[in-house]
Protein backbone atom coordinates (compact mmCIF):
# COMPACT_ATOMS: atom_id res chain seq x y z
CA MET A 1 102.34 56.21 15.59
CA ASP A 2 102.58 52.54 16.33
CA GLU A 3 103.51 49.88 13.74
CA VAL A 4 101.53 47.15 13.38
CA PRO A 5 103.68 43.57 12.73
CA LYS A 6 103.28 41.97 9.85
CA ILE A 7 102.29 38.33 9.85
CA GLU A 8 104.73 36.49 7.12
CA ARG A 9 102.13 34.36 4.87
CA ARG A 10 104.60 32.83 2.45
CA LYS A 11 104.91 29.03 2.50
CA ALA A 12 108.31 28.91 1.17
CA LEU A 13 111.69 30.48 1.64
CA ARG A 14 112.58 33.47 -0.64
CA VAL A 15 116.12 33.63 -1.83
CA ALA A 16 116.91 37.20 -2.69
CA THR A 17 118.88 37.26 -6.00
CA VAL A 18 118.83 39.65 -8.94
CA LEU A 19 118.91 37.76 -12.32
CA PRO A 20 117.53 38.51 -15.88
CA ILE A 21 114.28 37.21 -16.78
CA CYS A 22 112.60 36.96 -20.19
CA PHE A 23 108.65 36.38 -20.62
CA GLU A 24 106.86 34.95 -23.86
CA TRP A 25 103.41 34.94 -24.44
CA TYR A 26 100.66 34.66 -27.36
CA SER A 27 98.53 37.64 -28.23
CA PRO A 28 94.98 37.31 -29.12
CA GLU A 29 95.85 37.31 -32.89
CA SER A 30 98.35 34.33 -31.87
CA GLU A 31 101.71 36.77 -32.25
CA ILE A 32 104.57 36.15 -29.96
CA ARG A 33 104.94 38.79 -27.42
CA HIS A 34 107.81 39.33 -24.75
CA THR A 35 109.28 41.77 -22.66
CA ARG A 36 112.39 41.58 -20.35
CA GLY A 37 113.09 42.26 -16.58
CA SER A 38 115.20 41.37 -13.41
CA THR A 39 114.35 39.02 -10.34
CA LYS A 40 113.93 40.37 -6.87
CA ASP A 41 113.56 37.02 -5.00
CA ILE A 42 112.65 33.36 -5.79
CA SER A 43 110.81 30.66 -3.96
CA ARG A 44 109.79 27.09 -4.62
CA PHE A 45 106.44 28.72 -5.18
CA GLY A 46 106.94 31.76 -7.15
CA ILE A 47 109.26 34.90 -8.37
CA TYR A 48 109.31 38.35 -7.53
CA CYS A 49 110.34 40.27 -10.61
CA TYR A 50 110.29 43.67 -12.22
CA LEU A 51 109.28 43.80 -15.93
CA GLU A 52 109.93 46.47 -18.52
CA ASN A 53 106.04 46.21 -19.58
CA PRO A 54 103.26 45.43 -17.10
CA LEU A 55 101.44 41.98 -17.69
CA SER A 56 97.83 41.25 -17.55
CA PRO A 57 96.41 39.11 -15.03
CA GLY A 58 95.83 35.74 -15.83
CA LEU A 59 98.17 35.73 -18.62
CA HIS A 60 99.76 32.45 -19.63
CA VAL A 61 103.32 32.97 -20.00
CA ASP A 62 106.75 30.96 -20.54
CA PHE A 63 109.54 32.65 -18.95
CA ASP A 64 113.77 31.83 -18.67
CA VAL A 65 115.75 33.11 -15.88
CA VAL A 66 119.06 33.44 -16.51
CA PHE A 67 121.62 31.79 -13.83
CA ARG A 68 125.25 32.98 -14.02
CA ARG A 69 128.27 30.55 -13.07
C-alpha cells in the first residue's frame, strides 16, 4: 500500500519538549477546576499536551508550564 505524503500545515517551528503543565478554569457554577499533564511540543502558536482529564472544546483556560533549569 502506498503512503500519501503528509503536507506540513504548521505555521511555526515546534520544539519537542516534555514539561509539566497545569490548567485552571471556572466551572459554570463559578468553581475553580484544574487538571495537570505534560507537554509534547511547544510553538509560538500553541502547545500540544497530554492531560489527566479532557477539556471541553472552546473552554477558556489559564495554564502554567514549568521550565526546568
